[in-house]
Protein backbone atom coordinates (compact mmCIF):
# COMPACT_ATOMS: atom_id res chain seq x y z
CA MET A 1 -21.36 -7.51 -8.20
CA CYS A 2 -17.80 -7.48 -9.50
CA LEU A 3 -14.83 -8.84 -7.61
CA ALA A 4 -11.17 -8.07 -7.98
CA VAL A 5 -8.99 -11.10 -7.36
CA PRO A 6 -5.24 -11.64 -6.90
CA LEU A 7 -3.58 -13.78 -9.56
CA LYS A 8 0.05 -14.63 -10.31
CA LEU A 9 1.52 -13.55 -13.65
CA THR A 10 2.74 -16.57 -15.60
CA HIS A 11 3.19 -15.10 -19.10
CA ILE A 12 3.80 -11.59 -20.45
CA ASP A 13 3.67 -10.45 -24.07
CA GLY A 14 3.67 -6.67 -24.19
CA ASN A 15 0.43 -5.49 -22.59
CA ASP A 16 -1.10 -8.97 -22.80
CA GLY A 17 -0.53 -11.54 -20.12
CA VAL A 18 -1.70 -14.72 -18.49
CA ALA A 19 -2.30 -14.95 -14.76
CA GLU A 20 -3.38 -17.93 -12.68
CA ARG A 21 -4.67 -19.16 -9.36
CA ASP A 22 -5.10 -22.80 -8.38
CA GLY A 23 -4.33 -24.01 -11.90
CA VAL A 24 -6.94 -21.78 -13.55
CA SER A 25 -5.43 -19.36 -16.08
CA ARG A 26 -6.92 -16.12 -17.36
CA ARG A 27 -5.84 -13.82 -20.16
CA VAL A 28 -5.31 -10.35 -18.74
CA ARG A 29 -4.36 -6.90 -19.91
CA LEU A 30 -1.37 -5.23 -18.28
CA ASP A 31 -1.87 -1.62 -19.46
CA PHE A 32 -2.12 -0.24 -15.91
CA ILE A 33 0.93 -2.03 -14.44
CA LYS A 34 4.28 -0.36 -15.04
CA GLU A 35 6.94 -2.95 -15.94
CA PRO A 36 5.04 -6.13 -15.00
CA ARG A 37 7.22 -9.07 -13.99
CA LEU A 38 6.68 -12.82 -14.23
CA GLY A 39 5.80 -14.40 -10.91
CA GLU A 40 4.42 -11.28 -9.28
CA TYR A 41 0.87 -11.03 -8.01
CA VAL A 42 -1.59 -8.52 -9.39
CA ILE A 43 -5.20 -7.66 -8.67
CA ILE A 44 -7.37 -8.43 -11.69
CA HIS A 45 -10.67 -6.63 -12.29
CA ALA A 46 -12.71 -6.98 -15.48
CA GLY A 47 -9.74 -8.58 -17.25
CA PHE A 48 -7.25 -5.83 -16.36
CA ALA A 49 -4.39 -5.97 -13.87
CA ILE A 50 -5.08 -2.87 -11.80
CA GLU A 51 -2.65 -3.14 -8.89
CA ARG A 52 0.52 -4.97 -7.85
CA LEU A 53 0.47 -6.96 -4.60
CA ASP A 54 3.34 -8.23 -2.53
CA GLU A 55 3.33 -12.00 -2.18
CA ALA A 56 2.38 -12.08 1.52
CA ARG A 57 -0.68 -9.89 0.95
CA ALA A 58 -1.70 -11.86 -2.15
CA LEU A 59 -1.43 -15.20 -0.35
CA ALA A 60 -3.43 -13.87 2.61
CA ASP A 61 -6.15 -12.61 0.27
CA ILE A 62 -6.22 -15.94 -1.59
CA LYS A 63 -6.49 -17.83 1.69
CA ALA A 64 -9.41 -15.62 2.80
CA ALA A 65 -11.16 -16.19 -0.55
CA GLU A 66 -10.67 -19.96 -0.23
CA GLU A 67 -12.22 -19.90 3.26
CA ILE A 68 -15.26 -18.06 1.92
CA GLU A 69 -15.53 -20.48 -1.01
CA ASP A 70 -15.41 -23.43 1.41
CA GLU A 71 -18.24 -21.96 3.50
CA ILE A 72 -20.35 -21.38 0.37
CA ARG A 73 -19.80 -25.02 -0.67
CA LYS A 74 -21.02 -26.17 2.76
CA LEU A 75 -24.25 -24.22 2.30
CA ARG A 76 -24.95 -25.96 -1.01
CA VAL A 77 -24.87 -29.44 0.54
């Protein structure tokens, strides 16, 4: 199963970029995002930014993912 996750763009160099969540950075491709901007949130799938997200939506999605991650951690104990 593949997941698409929201990350915040922290570096842009042409169609290459770096995006991060919770201090974890990933190299990403920006080919599908017209005029990407530092600090904006994008959905990343298979290493490509595929969609822009407004900050409120991105933060809500991140919060939901963190809640799921917390529940998974509880099951492992």
